[in-house]
């Protein structure tokens, strides 16, 4: 009986590991007390600690970002979530936001880590 319970427990633990996949580049997010979880479909833009820019885990350049984001968005998917490492230059993040704000109808969210 104990063997069966341990088998079921092991199955649940292993299967739960596959439920937490998130398509992001590894970044250390800044903390904020008012973080909200987004459940909508969105385009993921990440800036890692080295300053590399990624759109949905594909490396890109700042000059190409506007065209690629316009091609990925439509009426149903017009949310962009920016994941910027907390050690990235503030000026570079503003440059990325400036390009994103030039796209009409685009909603922009900045990803943070919740303060526990």
PDB file of N, CA and C in Angstrom:
ATOM      1  N   UNK A   1       0.822  -1.189   0.000  1.00  0.00           N
ATOM      2  CA  UNK A   1       0.000   0.000   0.000  1.00  0.00           C
ATOM      3  C   UNK A   1       0.877   1.269   0.000  1.00  0.00           C
ATOM      4  N   UNK A   2       1.923   1.269   0.790  1.00  0.00           N
ATOM      5  CA  UNK A   2       2.825   2.423   0.847  1.00  0.00           C
ATOM      6  C   UNK A   2       3.530   2.614  -0.485  1.00  0.00           C
ATOM      7  N   UNK A   3       3.879   1.518  -1.159  1.00  0.00           N
ATOM      8  CA  UNK A   3       4.530   1.615  -2.464  1.00  0.00           C
ATOM      9  C   UNK A   3       3.626   2.300  -3.478  1.00  0.00           C
ATOM     10  N   UNK A   4       2.367   2.003  -3.445  1.00  0.00           N
ATOM     11  CA  UNK A   4       1.413   2.609  -4.369  1.00  0.00           C
ATOM     12  C   UNK A   4       1.296   4.112  -4.090  1.00  0.00           C
ATOM     13  N   UNK A   5       1.234   4.470  -2.834  1.00  0.00           N
ATOM     14  CA  UNK A   5       1.134   5.890  -2.473  1.00  0.00           C
ATOM     15  C   UNK A   5       2.384   6.644  -2.914  1.00  0.00           C
ATOM     16  N   UNK A   6       3.566   6.075  -2.711  1.00  0.00           N
ATOM     17  CA  UNK A   6       4.799   6.720  -3.152  1.00  0.00           C
ATOM     18  C   UNK A   6       4.859   6.811  -4.675  1.00  0.00           C
ATOM     19  N   UNK A   7       4.361   5.813  -5.379  1.00  0.00           N
ATOM     20  CA  UNK A   7       4.339   5.862  -6.838  1.00  0.00           C
ATOM     21  C   UNK A   7       3.440   6.987  -7.327  1.00  0.00           C
ATOM     22  N   UNK A   8       2.276   7.117  -6.716  1.00  0.00           N
ATOM     23  CA  UNK A   8       1.364   8.199  -7.094  1.00  0.00           C
ATOM     24  C   UNK A   8       1.980   9.552  -6.768  1.00  0.00           C
ATOM     25  N   UNK A   9       2.599   9.676  -5.620  1.00  0.00           N
ATOM     26  CA  UNK A   9       3.250  10.925  -5.224  1.00  0.00           C
ATOM     27  C   UNK A   9       4.371  11.291  -6.195  1.00  0.00           C
ATOM     28  N   UNK A  10       5.185  10.311  -6.575  1.00  0.00           N
ATOM     29  CA  UNK A  10       6.279  10.552  -7.522  1.00  0.00           C
ATOM     30  C   UNK A  10       5.718  10.993  -8.872  1.00  0.00           C
ATOM     31  N   UNK A  11       4.645  10.366  -9.312  1.00  0.00           N
ATOM     32  CA  UNK A  11       4.015  10.760 -10.577  1.00  0.00           C
ATOM     33  C   UNK A  11       3.525  12.206 -10.520  1.00  0.00           C
ATOM     34  N   UNK A  12       2.884  12.592  -9.438  1.00  0.00           N
ATOM     35  CA  UNK A  12       2.377  13.951  -9.303  1.00  0.00           C
ATOM     36  C   UNK A  12       3.504  14.984  -9.273  1.00  0.00           C
ATOM     37  N   UNK A  13       4.583  14.658  -8.592  1.00  0.00           N
ATOM     38  CA  UNK A  13       5.720  15.579  -8.521  1.00  0.00           C
ATOM     39  C   UNK A  13       6.352  15.760  -9.892  1.00  0.00           C
ATOM     40  N   UNK A  14       6.569  14.669 -10.604  1.00  0.00           N
ATOM     41  CA  UNK A  14       7.205  14.746 -11.927  1.00  0.00           C
ATOM     42  C   UNK A  14       6.296  15.456 -12.919  1.00  0.00           C
ATOM     43  N   UNK A  15       5.013  15.154 -12.902  1.00  0.00           N
ATOM     44  CA  UNK A  15       4.103  15.798 -13.848  1.00  0.00           C
ATOM     45  C   UNK A  15       3.935  17.289 -13.545  1.00  0.00           C
ATOM     46  N   UNK A  16       4.038  17.692 -12.297  1.00  0.00           N
ATOM     47  CA  UNK A  16       3.890  19.111 -11.969  1.00  0.00           C
ATOM     48  C   UNK A  16       5.080  19.939 -12.451  1.00  0.00           C
ATOM     49  N   UNK A  17       6.230  19.315 -12.648  1.00  0.00           N
ATOM     50  CA  UNK A  17       7.393  20.045 -13.153  1.00  0.00           C
ATOM     51  C   UNK A  17       7.161  20.554 -14.566  1.00  0.00           C
ATOM     52  N   UNK A  18       6.358  19.852 -15.351  1.00  0.00           N
ATOM     53  CA  UNK A  18       6.096  20.259 -16.723  1.00  0.00           C
ATOM     54  C   UNK A  18       5.039  21.342 -16.819  1.00  0.00           C
ATOM     55  N   UNK A  19       4.350  21.648 -15.761  1.00  0.00           N
ATOM     56  CA  UNK A  19       3.300  22.655 -15.777  1.00  0.00           C
ATOM     57  C   UNK A  19       3.831  24.067 -15.587  1.00  0.00           C
ATOM     58  N   UNK A  20       5.082  24.222 -15.217  1.00  0.00           N
ATOM     59  CA  UNK A  20       5.618  25.545 -14.896  1.00  0.00           C
ATOM     60  C   UNK A  20       6.542  26.091 -15.977  1.00  0.00           C
ATOM     61  N   UNK A  21       6.378  25.681 -17.224  1.00  0.00           N
ATOM     62  CA  UNK A  21       7.223  26.189 -18.289  1.00  0.00           C
ATOM     63  C   UNK A  21       6.820  27.594 -18.668  1.00  0.00           C
ATOM     64  N   UNK A  22       7.787  28.484 -18.714  1.00  0.00           N
ATOM     65  CA  UNK A  22       7.561  29.853 -19.132  1.00  0.00           C
ATOM     66  C   UNK A  22       8.594  30.166 -20.201  1.00  0.00           C
ATOM     67  N   UNK A  23       8.145  30.765 -21.303  1.00  0.00           N
ATOM     68  CA  UNK A  23       9.052  31.059 -22.397  1.00  0.00           C
ATOM     69  C   UNK A  23       9.699  32.416 -22.214  1.00  0.00           C
ATOM     70  N   UNK A  24      10.714  32.465 -21.375  1.00  0.00           N
ATOM     71  CA  UNK A  24      11.435  33.712 -21.159  1.00  0.00           C
ATOM     72  C   UNK A  24      12.928  33.452 -21.137  1.00  0.00           C
ATOM     73  N   UNK A  25      13.667  34.490 -21.321  1.00  0.00           N
ATOM     74  CA  UNK A  25      15.107  34.448 -21.167  1.00  0.00           C
ATOM     75  C   UNK A  25      15.386  34.646 -19.680  1.00  0.00           C
ATOM     76  N   UNK A  26      16.407  34.014 -19.174  1.00  0.00           N
ATOM     77  CA  UNK A  26      16.709  34.104 -17.754  1.00  0.00           C
ATOM     78  C   UNK A  26      17.177  35.510 -17.396  1.00  0.00           C
ATOM     79  N   UNK A  27      16.341  36.224 -16.635  1.00  0.00           N
ATOM     80  CA  UNK A  27      16.682  37.565 -16.172  1.00  0.00           C
ATOM     81  C   UNK A  27      16.332  37.668 -14.695  1.00  0.00           C
ATOM     82  N   UNK A  28      17.031  38.528 -14.000  1.00  0.00           N
ATOM     83  CA  UNK A  28      16.738  38.775 -12.589  1.00  0.00           C
ATOM     84  C   UNK A  28      15.855  40.020 -12.530  1.00  0.00           C
ATOM     85  N   UNK A  29      14.559  39.795 -12.305  1.00  0.00           N
ATOM     86  CA  UNK A  29      13.590  40.880 -12.336  1.00  0.00           C
ATOM     87  C   UNK A  29      13.658  41.732 -11.081  1.00  0.00           C
ATOM     88  N   UNK A  30      13.366  43.016 -11.225  1.00  0.00           N
ATOM     89  CA  UNK A  30      13.261  43.865 -10.030  1.00  0.00           C
ATOM     90  C   UNK A  30      11.997  43.513  -9.266  1.00  0.00           C
ATOM     91  N   UNK A  31      11.946  43.848  -7.995  1.00  0.00           N
ATOM     92  CA  UNK A  31      10.788  43.534  -7.157  1.00  0.00           C
ATOM     93  C   UNK A  31       9.855  44.730  -7.083  1.00  0.00           C
ATOM     94  N   UNK A  32       8.539  44.431  -6.982  1.00  0.00           N
ATOM     95  CA  UNK A  32       7.525  45.482  -6.846  1.00  0.00           C
ATOM     96  C   UNK A  32       6.406  44.957  -5.963  1.00  0.00           C
ATOM     97  N   UNK A  33       5.826  45.814  -5.179  1.00  0.00           N
ATOM     98  CA  UNK A  33       4.778  45.390  -4.251  1.00  0.00           C
ATOM     99  C   UNK A  33       3.424  45.229  -4.929  1.00  0.00           C
ATOM    100  N   UNK A  34       3.236  45.783  -6.116  1.00  0.00           N
ATOM    101  CA  UNK A  34       1.945  45.718  -6.800  1.00  0.00           C
ATOM    102  C   UNK A  34       1.995  44.901  -8.079  1.00  0.00           C
ATOM    103  N   UNK A  35       2.646  43.745  -8.053  1.00  0.00           N
ATOM    104  CA  UNK A  35       2.730  42.880  -9.224  1.00  0.00           C
ATOM    105  C   UNK A  35       1.396  42.205  -9.490  1.00  0.00           C
ATOM    106  N   UNK A  36       1.026  42.104 -10.781  1.00  0.00           N
ATOM    107  CA  UNK A  36      -0.214  41.446 -11.195  1.00  0.00           C
ATOM    108  C   UNK A  36       0.141  40.388 -12.233  1.00  0.00           C
ATOM    109  N   UNK A  37      -0.437  39.209 -12.113  1.00  0.00           N
ATOM    110  CA  UNK A  37      -0.188  38.128 -13.065  1.00  0.00           C
ATOM    111  C   UNK A  37      -1.039  38.340 -14.312  1.00  0.00           C
ATOM    112  N   UNK A  38      -0.414  38.211 -15.495  1.00  0.00           N
ATOM    113  CA  UNK A  38      -1.120  38.340 -16.771  1.00  0.00           C
ATOM    114  C   UNK A  38      -1.427  36.953 -17.308  1.00  0.00           C
ATOM    115  N   UNK A  39      -2.683  36.702 -17.674  1.00  0.00           N
ATOM    116  CA  UNK A  39      -3.070  35.407 -18.221  1.00  0.00           C
ATOM    117  C   UNK A  39      -3.414  35.495 -19.698  1.00  0.00           C
ATOM    118  N   UNK A  40      -3.250  36.649 -20.317  1.00  0.00           N
ATOM    119  CA  UNK A  40      -3.567  36.834 -21.725  1.00  0.00           C
ATOM    120  C   UNK A  40      -2.396  36.389 -22.589  1.00  0.00           C
ATOM    121  N   UNK A  41      -2.677  36.236 -23.879  1.00  0.00           N
ATOM    122  CA  UNK A  41      -1.603  35.946 -24.832  1.00  0.00           C
ATOM    123  C   UNK A  41      -0.819  37.228 -25.050  1.00  0.00           C
ATOM    124  N   UNK A  42       0.494  37.100 -25.106  1.00  0.00           N
ATOM    125  CA  UNK A  42       1.319  38.295 -25.240  1.00  0.00           C
ATOM    126  C   UNK A  42       2.622  37.974 -25.945  1.00  0.00           C
ATOM    127  N   UNK A  43       3.269  39.019 -26.422  1.00  0.00           N
ATOM    128  CA  UNK A  43       4.610  38.936 -26.996  1.00  0.00           C
ATOM    129  C   UNK A  43       5.584  39.214 -25.864  1.00  0.00           C
ATOM    130  N   UNK A  44       6.582  38.374 -25.738  1.00  0.00           N
ATOM    131  CA  UNK A  44       7.529  38.465 -24.635  1.00  0.00           C
ATOM    132  C   UNK A  44       8.828  39.095 -25.137  1.00  0.00           C
ATOM    133  N   UNK A  45       9.191  40.236 -24.577  1.00  0.00           N
ATOM    134  CA  UNK A  45      10.459  40.892 -24.911  1.00  0.00           C
ATOM    135  C   UNK A  45      11.337  40.855 -23.668  1.00  0.00           C
ATOM    136  N   UNK A  46      12.546  40.345 -23.826  1.00  0.00           N
ATOM    137  CA  UNK A  46      13.462  40.206 -22.688  1.00  0.00           C
ATOM    138  C   UNK A  46      14.777  40.910 -22.977  1.00  0.00           C
ATOM    139  N   UNK A  47      15.346  41.490 -21.925  1.00  0.00           N
ATOM    140  CA  UNK A  47      16.684  42.072 -21.986  1.00  0.00           C
ATOM    141  C   UNK A  47      17.481  41.404 -20.882  1.00  0.00           C
ATOM    142  N   UNK A  48      18.524  40.656 -21.246  1.00  0.00           N
ATOM    143  CA  UNK A  48      19.305  39.972 -20.218  1.00  0.00           C
ATOM    144  C   UNK A  48      20.338  40.913 -19.621  1.00  0.00           C
ATOM    145  N   UNK A  49      21.084  40.421 -18.623  1.00  0.00           N
ATOM    146  CA  UNK A  49      22.020  41.294 -17.905  1.00  0.00           C
ATOM    147  C   UNK A  49      23.150  41.825 -18.774  1.00  0.00           C
ATOM    148  N   UNK A  50      23.407  41.160 -19.908  1.00  0.00           N
ATOM    149  CA  UNK A  50      24.428  41.632 -20.838  1.00  0.00           C
ATOM    150  C   UNK A  50      23.914  42.672 -21.815  1.00  0.00           C
ATOM    151  N   UNK A  51      22.596  42.949 -21.778  1.00  0.00           N
ATOM    152  CA  UNK A  51      22.016  43.931 -22.678  1.00  0.00           C
ATOM    153  C   UNK A  51      21.511  43.347 -23.985  1.00  0.00           C
ATOM    154  N   UNK A  52      21.495  42.011 -24.109  1.00  0.00           N
ATOM    155  CA  UNK A  52      20.981  41.378 -25.327  1.00  0.00           C
ATOM    156  C   UNK A  52      19.463  41.428 -25.324  1.00  0.00           C
ATOM    157  N   UNK A  53      18.887  41.685 -26.479  1.00  0.00           N
ATOM    158  CA  UNK A  53      17.441  41.846 -26.639  1.00  0.00           C
ATOM    159  C   UNK A  53      16.863  40.596 -27.296  1.00  0.00           C
ATOM    160  N   UNK A  54      15.745  40.088 -26.759  1.00  0.00           N
ATOM    161  CA  UNK A  54      15.102  38.888 -27.276  1.00  0.00           C
ATOM    162  C   UNK A  54      13.613  39.144 -27.450  1.00  0.00           C
ATOM    163  N   UNK A  55      13.053  38.634 -28.538  1.00  0.00           N
ATOM    164  CA  UNK A  55      11.610  38.645 -28.741  1.00  0.00           C
ATOM    165  C   UNK A  55      11.174  37.191 -28.799  1.00  0.00           C
ATOM    166  N   UNK A  56      10.359  36.773 -27.832  1.00  0.00           N
ATOM    167  CA  UNK A  56       9.928  35.369 -27.709  1.00  0.00           C
ATOM    168  C   UNK A  56      11.118  34.411 -27.792  1.00  0.00           C
ATOM    169  N   UNK A  57      12.149  34.709 -27.037  1.00  0.00           N
ATOM    170  CA  UNK A  57      13.368  33.906 -26.903  1.00  0.00           C
ATOM    171  C   UNK A  57      14.263  33.901 -28.141  1.00  0.00           C
ATOM    172  N   UNK A  58      13.958  34.738 -29.149  1.00  0.00           N
ATOM    173  CA  UNK A  58      14.799  34.835 -30.343  1.00  0.00           C
ATOM    174  C   UNK A  58      15.549  36.149 -30.293  1.00  0.00           C
ATOM    175  N   UNK A  59      16.863  36.066 -30.367  1.00  0.00           N
ATOM    176  CA  UNK A  59      17.708  37.261 -30.262  1.00  0.00           C
ATOM    177  C   UNK A  59      17.438  38.205 -31.429  1.00  0.00           C
ATOM    178  N   UNK A  60      17.394  39.481 -31.132  1.00  0.00           N
ATOM    179  CA  UNK A  60      17.159  40.492 -32.154  1.00  0.00           C
ATOM    180  C   UNK A  60      17.924  41.764 -31.794  1.00  0.00           C
ATOM    181  N   UNK A  61      17.914  42.714 -32.714  1.00  0.00           N
ATOM    182  CA  UNK A  61      18.549  44.011 -32.473  1.00  0.00           C
ATOM    183  C   UNK A  61      17.470  45.059 -32.266  1.00  0.00           C
ATOM    184  N   UNK A  62      17.820  46.128 -31.582  1.00  0.00           N
ATOM    185  CA  UNK A  62      16.876  47.201 -31.289  1.00  0.00           C
ATOM    186  C   UNK A  62      16.310  47.799 -32.583  1.00  0.00           C
ATOM    187  N   UNK A  63      17.145  47.915 -33.616  1.00  0.00           N
ATOM    188  CA  UNK A  63      16.713  48.500 -34.881  1.00  0.00           C
ATOM    189  C   UNK A  63      15.663  47.633 -35.586  1.00  0.00           C
ATOM    190  N   UNK A  64      15.657  46.323 -35.341  1.00  0.00           N
ATOM    191  CA  UNK A  64      14.721  45.408 -36.001  1.00  0.00           C
ATOM    192  C   UNK A  64      13.477  45.139 -35.151  1.00  0.00           C
ATOM    193  N   UNK A  65      13.481  45.579 -33.907  1.00  0.00           N
ATOM    194  CA  UNK A  65      12.431  45.205 -32.970  1.00  0.00           C
ATOM    195  C   UNK A  65      11.047  45.696 -33.400  1.00  0.00           C
ATOM    196  N   UNK A  66      10.936  46.922 -33.851  1.00  0.00           N
ATOM    197  CA  UNK A  66       9.625  47.482 -34.197  1.00  0.00           C
ATOM    198  C   UNK A  66       8.929  46.642 -35.261  1.00  0.00           C
ATOM    199  N   UNK A  67       9.622  46.314 -36.332  1.00  0.00           N
ATOM    200  CA  UNK A  67       9.038  45.533 -37.422  1.00  0.00           C
ATOM    201  C   UNK A  67       8.616  44.146 -36.938  1.00  0.00           C
ATOM    202  N   UNK A  68       9.456  43.518 -36.138  1.00  0.00           N
ATOM    203  CA  UNK A  68       9.142  42.178 -35.647  1.00  0.00           C
ATOM    204  C   UNK A  68       7.946  42.182 -34.705  1.00  0.00           C
ATOM    205  N   UNK A  69       7.853  43.182 -33.841  1.00  0.00           N
ATOM    206  CA  UNK A  69       6.714  43.262 -32.913  1.00  0.00           C
ATOM    207  C   UNK A  69       5.424  43.527 -33.684  1.00  0.00           C
ATOM    208  N   UNK A  70       5.463  44.410 -34.675  1.00  0.00           N
ATOM    209  CA  UNK A  70       4.274  44.680 -35.488  1.00  0.00           C
ATOM    210  C   UNK A  70       3.809  43.400 -36.176  1.00  0.00           C
ATOM    211  N   UNK A  71       4.737  42.596 -36.680  1.00  0.00           N
ATOM    212  CA  UNK A  71       4.380  41.342 -37.352  1.00  0.00           C
ATOM    213  C   UNK A  71       3.806  40.308 -36.391  1.00  0.00           C
ATOM    214  N   UNK A  72       4.171  40.353 -35.114  1.00  0.00           N
ATOM    215  CA  UNK A  72       3.703  39.368 -34.132  1.00  0.00           C
ATOM    216  C   UNK A  72       2.399  39.752 -33.456  1.00  0.00           C
ATOM    217  N   UNK A  73       1.991  41.002 -33.569  1.00  0.00           N
ATOM    218  CA  UNK A  73       0.794  41.450 -32.855  1.00  0.00           C
ATOM    219  C   UNK A  73      -0.382  41.606 -33.806  1.00  0.00           C
ATOM    220  N   UNK A  74      -1.580  41.509 -33.243  1.00  0.00           N
ATOM    221  CA  UNK A  74      -2.832  41.756 -33.961  1.00  0.00           C
ATOM    222  C   UNK A  74      -3.874  42.183 -32.933  1.00  0.00           C
ATOM    223  N   UNK A  75      -5.154  42.220 -33.324  1.00  0.00           N
ATOM    224  CA  UNK A  75      -6.201  42.671 -32.395  1.00  0.00           C
ATOM    225  C   UNK A  75      -6.325  41.763 -31.177  1.00  0.00           C
ATOM    226  N   UNK A  76      -6.110  40.457 -31.351  1.00  0.00           N
ATOM    227  CA  UNK A  76      -6.246  39.506 -30.241  1.00  0.00           C
ATOM    228  C   UNK A  76      -4.978  39.409 -29.403  1.00  0.00           C
ATOM    229  N   UNK A  77      -3.870  39.782 -29.970  1.00  0.00           N
ATOM    230  CA  UNK A  77      -2.583  39.647 -29.271  1.00  0.00           C
ATOM    231  C   UNK A  77      -1.839  40.968 -29.393  1.00  0.00           C
ATOM    232  N   UNK A  78      -2.265  41.965 -28.606  1.00  0.00           N
ATOM    233  CA  UNK A  78      -1.638  43.283 -28.699  1.00  0.00           C
ATOM    234  C   UNK A  78      -0.940  43.688 -27.403  1.00  0.00           C
ATOM    235  N   UNK A  79      -0.635  42.716 -26.556  1.00  0.00           N
ATOM    236  CA  UNK A  79       0.059  42.982 -25.294  1.00  0.00           C
ATOM    237  C   UNK A  79       1.516  42.547 -25.414  1.00  0.00           C
ATOM    238  N   UNK A  80       2.420  43.426 -25.014  1.00  0.00           N
ATOM    239  CA  UNK A  80       3.846  43.121 -24.973  1.00  0.00           C
ATOM    240  C   UNK A  80       4.287  43.190 -23.519  1.00  0.00           C
ATOM    241  N   UNK A  81       4.967  42.142 -23.055  1.00  0.00           N
ATOM    242  CA  UNK A  81       5.491  42.122 -21.694  1.00  0.00           C
ATOM    243  C   UNK A  81       7.010  42.257 -21.775  1.00  0.00           C
ATOM    244  N   UNK A  82       7.525  43.267 -21.105  1.00  0.00           N
ATOM    245  CA  UNK A  82       8.964  43.538 -21.103  1.00  0.00           C
ATOM    246  C   UNK A  82       9.587  42.957 -19.834  1.00  0.00           C
ATOM    247  N   UNK A  83      10.531  42.043 -20.014  1.00  0.00           N
ATOM    248  CA  UNK A  83      11.285  41.440 -18.916  1.00  0.00           C
ATOM    249  C   UNK A  83      12.713  41.967 -19.008  1.00  0.00           C
ATOM    250  N   UNK A  84      13.046  42.917 -18.178  1.00  0.00           N
ATOM    251  CA  UNK A  84      14.388  43.499 -18.206  1.00  0.00           C
ATOM    252  C   UNK A  84      15.114  43.154 -16.913  1.00  0.00           C
ATOM    253  N   UNK A  85      16.326  42.661 -17.031  1.00  0.00           N
ATOM    254  CA  UNK A  85      17.146  42.366 -15.870  1.00  0.00           C
ATOM    255  C   UNK A  85      17.334  43.644 -15.059  1.00  0.00           C
ATOM    256  N   UNK A  86      17.328  43.511 -13.741  1.00  0.00           N
ATOM    257  CA  UNK A  86      17.413  44.706 -12.894  1.00  0.00           C
ATOM    258  C   UNK A  86      18.754  45.423 -13.012  1.00  0.00           C
ATOM    259  N   UNK A  87      19.766  44.774 -13.578  1.00  0.00           N
ATOM    260  CA  UNK A  87      21.085  45.385 -13.713  1.00  0.00           C
ATOM    261  C   UNK A  87      21.315  46.035 -15.081  1.00  0.00           C
ATOM    262  N   UNK A  88      20.316  45.992 -15.966  1.00  0.00           N
ATOM    263  CA  UNK A  88      20.440  46.607 -17.286  1.00  0.00           C
ATOM    264  C   UNK A  88      20.336  48.117 -17.150  1.00  0.00           C
ATOM    265  N   UNK A  89      21.046  48.815 -17.993  1.00  0.00           N
ATOM    266  CA  UNK A  89      21.043  50.282 -17.983  1.00  0.00           C
ATOM    267  C   UNK A  89      19.624  50.814 -18.168  1.00  0.00           C
ATOM    268  N   UNK A  90      19.269  51.760 -17.333  1.00  0.00           N
ATOM    269  CA  UNK A  90      17.954  52.401 -17.408  1.00  0.00           C
ATOM    270  C   UNK A  90      17.743  53.040 -18.779  1.00  0.00           C
ATOM    271  N   UNK A  91      18.780  53.612 -19.328  1.00  0.00           N
ATOM    272  CA  UNK A  91      18.699  54.256 -20.641  1.00  0.00           C
ATOM    273  C   UNK A  91      18.347  53.280 -21.744  1.00  0.00           C
ATOM    274  N   UNK A  92      18.880  52.055 -21.664  1.00  0.00           N
ATOM    275  CA  UNK A  92      18.584  51.044 -22.693  1.00  0.00           C
ATOM    276  C   UNK A  92      17.125  50.588 -22.594  1.00  0.00           C
ATOM    277  N   UNK A  93      16.624  50.417 -21.376  1.00  0.00           N
ATOM    278  CA  UNK A  93      15.227  50.028 -21.185  1.00  0.00           C
ATOM    279  C   UNK A  93      14.311  51.124 -21.732  1.00  0.00           C
ATOM    280  N   UNK A  94      14.653  52.378 -21.508  1.00  0.00           N
ATOM    281  CA  UNK A  94      13.857  53.499 -22.029  1.00  0.00           C
ATOM    282  C   UNK A  94      13.889  53.497 -23.558  1.00  0.00           C
ATOM    283  N   UNK A  95      15.028  53.167 -24.163  1.00  0.00           N
ATOM    284  CA  UNK A  95      15.117  53.092 -25.629  1.00  0.00           C
ATOM    285  C   UNK A  95      14.173  52.028 -26.169  1.00  0.00           C
ATOM    286  N   UNK A  96      14.117  50.869 -25.501  1.00  0.00           N
ATOM    287  CA  UNK A  96      13.218  49.789 -25.909  1.00  0.00           C
ATOM    288  C   UNK A  96      11.761  50.239 -25.743  1.00  0.00           C
ATOM    289  N   UNK A  97      11.439  50.851 -24.614  1.00  0.00           N
ATOM    290  CA  UNK A  97      10.080  51.341 -24.381  1.00  0.00           C
ATOM    291  C   UNK A  97       9.683  52.408 -25.397  1.00  0.00           C
ATOM    292  N   UNK A  98      10.619  53.252 -25.788  1.00  0.00           N
ATOM    293  CA  UNK A  98      10.342  54.297 -26.770  1.00  0.00           C
ATOM    294  C   UNK A  98       9.946  53.691 -28.113  1.00  0.00           C
ATOM    295  N   UNK A  99      10.647  52.644 -28.524  1.00  0.00           N
ATOM    296  CA  UNK A  99      10.305  51.959 -29.777  1.00  0.00           C
ATOM    297  C   UNK A  99       8.933  51.313 -29.666  1.00  0.00           C
ATOM    298  N   UNK A 100       8.662  50.666 -28.531  1.00  0.00           N
ATOM    299  CA  UNK A 100       7.375  50.001 -28.342  1.00  0.00           C
ATOM    300  C   UNK A 100       6.219  51.001 -28.327  1.00  0.00           C
ATOM    301  N   UNK A 101       6.421  52.163 -27.717  1.00  0.00           N
ATOM    302  CA  UNK A 101       5.361  53.170 -27.638  1.00  0.00           C
ATOM    303  C   UNK A 101       5.050  53.787 -28.990  1.00  0.00           C
ATOM    304  N   UNK A 102       5.932  53.639 -29.969  1.00  0.00           N
ATOM    305  CA  UNK A 102       5.682  54.175 -31.306  1.00  0.00           C
ATOM    306  C   UNK A 102       4.732  53.292 -32.110  1.00  0.00           C
ATOM    307  N   UNK A 103       4.359  52.121 -31.584  1.00  0.00           N
ATOM    308  CA  UNK A 103       3.454  51.201 -32.275  1.00  0.00           C
ATOM    309  C   UNK A 103       2.026  51.483 -31.802  1.00  0.00           C
ATOM    310  N   UNK A 104       1.146  51.837 -32.724  1.00  0.00           N
ATOM    311  CA  UNK A 104      -0.236  52.176 -32.389  1.00  0.00           C
ATOM    312  C   UNK A 104      -1.006  50.969 -31.867  1.00  0.00           C
ATOM    313  N   UNK A 105      -1.789  51.179 -30.803  1.00  0.00           N
ATOM    314  CA  UNK A 105      -2.670  50.142 -30.269  1.00  0.00           C
ATOM    315  C   UNK A 105      -1.985  49.094 -29.424  1.00  0.00           C
ATOM    316  N   UNK A 106      -0.702  49.245 -29.185  1.00  0.00           N
ATOM    317  CA  UNK A 106       0.047  48.248 -28.417  1.00  0.00           C
ATOM    318  C   UNK A 106      -0.060  48.534 -26.927  1.00  0.00           C
ATOM    319  N   UNK A 107      -0.321  47.499 -26.144  1.00  0.00           N
ATOM    320  CA  UNK A 107      -0.335  47.627 -24.689  1.00  0.00           C
ATOM    321  C   UNK A 107       0.980  47.065 -24.171  1.00  0.00           C
ATOM    322  N   UNK A 108       1.591  47.785 -23.240  1.00  0.00           N
ATOM    323  CA  UNK A 108       2.906  47.414 -22.734  1.00  0.00           C
ATOM    324  C   UNK A 108       2.823  47.162 -21.243  1.00  0.00           C
ATOM    325  N   UNK A 109       3.386  46.029 -20.809  1.00  0.00           N
ATOM    326  CA  UNK A 109       3.480  45.706 -19.389  1.00  0.00           C
ATOM    327  C   UNK A 109       4.943  45.442 -19.062  1.00  0.00           C
ATOM    328  N   UNK A 110       5.346  45.800 -17.850  1.00  0.00           N
ATOM    329  CA  UNK A 110       6.721  45.561 -17.404  1.00  0.00           C
ATOM    330  C   UNK A 110       6.675  44.479 -16.340  1.00  0.00           C
ATOM    331  N   UNK A 111       7.434  43.424 -16.557  1.00  0.00           N
ATOM    332  CA  UNK A 111       7.427  42.288 -15.657  1.00  0.00           C
ATOM    333  C   UNK A 111       8.305  42.570 -14.430  1.00  0.00           C
ATOM    334  N   UNK A 112       7.769  42.229 -13.250  1.00  0.00           N
ATOM    335  CA  UNK A 112       8.498  42.374 -11.988  1.00  0.00           C
ATOM    336  C   UNK A 112       8.304  41.118 -11.161  1.00  0.00           C
ATOM    337  N   UNK A 113       9.089  41.013 -10.123  1.00  0.00           N
ATOM    338  CA  UNK A 113       8.959  39.914  -9.180  1.00  0.00           C
ATOM    339  C   UNK A 113       8.201  40.443  -7.964  1.00  0.00           C
ATOM    340  N   UNK A 114       7.274  39.646  -7.469  1.00  0.00           N
ATOM    341  CA  UNK A 114       6.473  40.061  -6.331  1.00  0.00           C
ATOM    342  C   UNK A 114       7.302  40.052  -5.051  1.00  0.00           C
ATOM    343  N   UNK A 115       7.092  41.040  -4.186  1.00  0.00           N
ATOM    344  CA  UNK A 115       7.754  41.082  -2.883  1.00  0.00           C
ATOM    345  C   UNK A 115       6.965  40.191  -1.947  1.00  0.00           C
ATOM    346  N   UNK A 116       7.628  39.211  -1.396  1.00  0.00           N
ATOM    347  CA  UNK A 116       6.941  38.276  -0.472  1.00  0.00           C
ATOM    348  C   UNK A 116       7.169  38.628   0.957  1.00  0.00           C
TER     349      UNK A 116
END
